[in-house]
Amino acid sequence: MDQIDKIHHVHIRNIDLNLIVPLHALLEERSVTRAAKRVNLSQPAMSHALDRLRDTFSDDLLIRDGHRDYLLTARGKQLLQELEWMLPRLERFLTGQAFSPRDATGRIRVVMTDYATAVILPRIVGPASLAAPGVQIHVSAWQEYSYADLLAGRVDLVFSALAPPHPIYTEVLFQEHFVCLVAENHPYKGRAFSLSQYLQYRHVMIEMDPNQQTLVDRPLAEIGKRREIGLIVPYFLAGVMALRDTELILTVPSRVAPQFLGRYPFRQVKAPAEIPRFQYLMAWHPRLENEDLYQWFRDVLRKHFHDGMPVAPKRTAAPSSAHSFRKRRRRS
């Protein structure tokens, strides 16, 4: 056993396991008073527990924000994530109970693109909430470093059309293709764009990566073509609302378009054939492959998607039709 293992072993032996429940309450409540009430301790006893926890972890864990409540330190945030993962499993280990969504607690941290929040989220929140009322789904926005967050354990599941790096598992949820939205009074009156017609006009870009709507602009770049961009926005709704009385073209996945047509004065036009179809993926780290809560949540997604397709095998790279993820430096 090397020196690091010895230090870690001694540290674990010296932890008072009776402090785990107060620790979880303190980190979640961020208040000594509320944490004490939650676990039926007096406030002085909870304050003493916090002092002992700070000594144990050599970290403040919670710091005052100038008001009554506390802010979590970086170590406190890390411990809270670990406890949310560990405590339900420890309870099942001690009781011998099988996993039940109805009795499950915890938080599933999901990364979604604007597209996924419009197409996937509305179809799974209801069924998931009914089946597992004690489970919280925490959605954060896709960023260029989201797969790095998945590898580091900062999130649990990512939805994207971009293939992740090794060793992340992926599964195809469904196939998708692009359509174009234009203002009702747009000068182009046809039902489908050729590539030359498409490139004749300026465009609204939904920025997925810096200066790029990846699944549209990258295939065009591969054949030496480039759109002229008149407006860059982060969300589909912002792009749609900007189309009125312009000659701009907004290119969106087909499942998004029906949410806007009929409600706004726009028309749908078929996108050029040079903009290919794509597969939409859910991705997770191998460490969550056999974890009951996350298995259950992935099954909820499988039940509501796949469009009748057979379940794709898990793999460490997305299908060849998906564009690969490029490892980037995390934003500061």
Foldseek 3Di string as FASTA:
>chain_A
DDPVVVVVVVLVVPDDPVLLQLLLLCLVVQALVRSCVVVVHDSVVSVVSQVVVCVSVVHNQWDDPPDRGTDGDPVVVVVNLVCLQPVVVVVCVVVVDDDFLQPDAHEAEEEEELVCVQFPVVQQPVVSCVRHVRYHYHYDYDDLCVLVCQVVVVHFKYKDLAKHAPPKKKWFFEKWFKWKKAALPAPDDDQADAPVRLQVFAAEAQPNDVVDPDLAAVLQVVVPHGHHHDHYDNHPVVRVVPRYPDNYMYMDIPSPVVVPPPVHRMDIHGYHPSRDMTTMMMIGHPVCVPPPVVVVSVVSSNVRTPPPPPIDDIGRTDDPRGHYRDDDDDDD
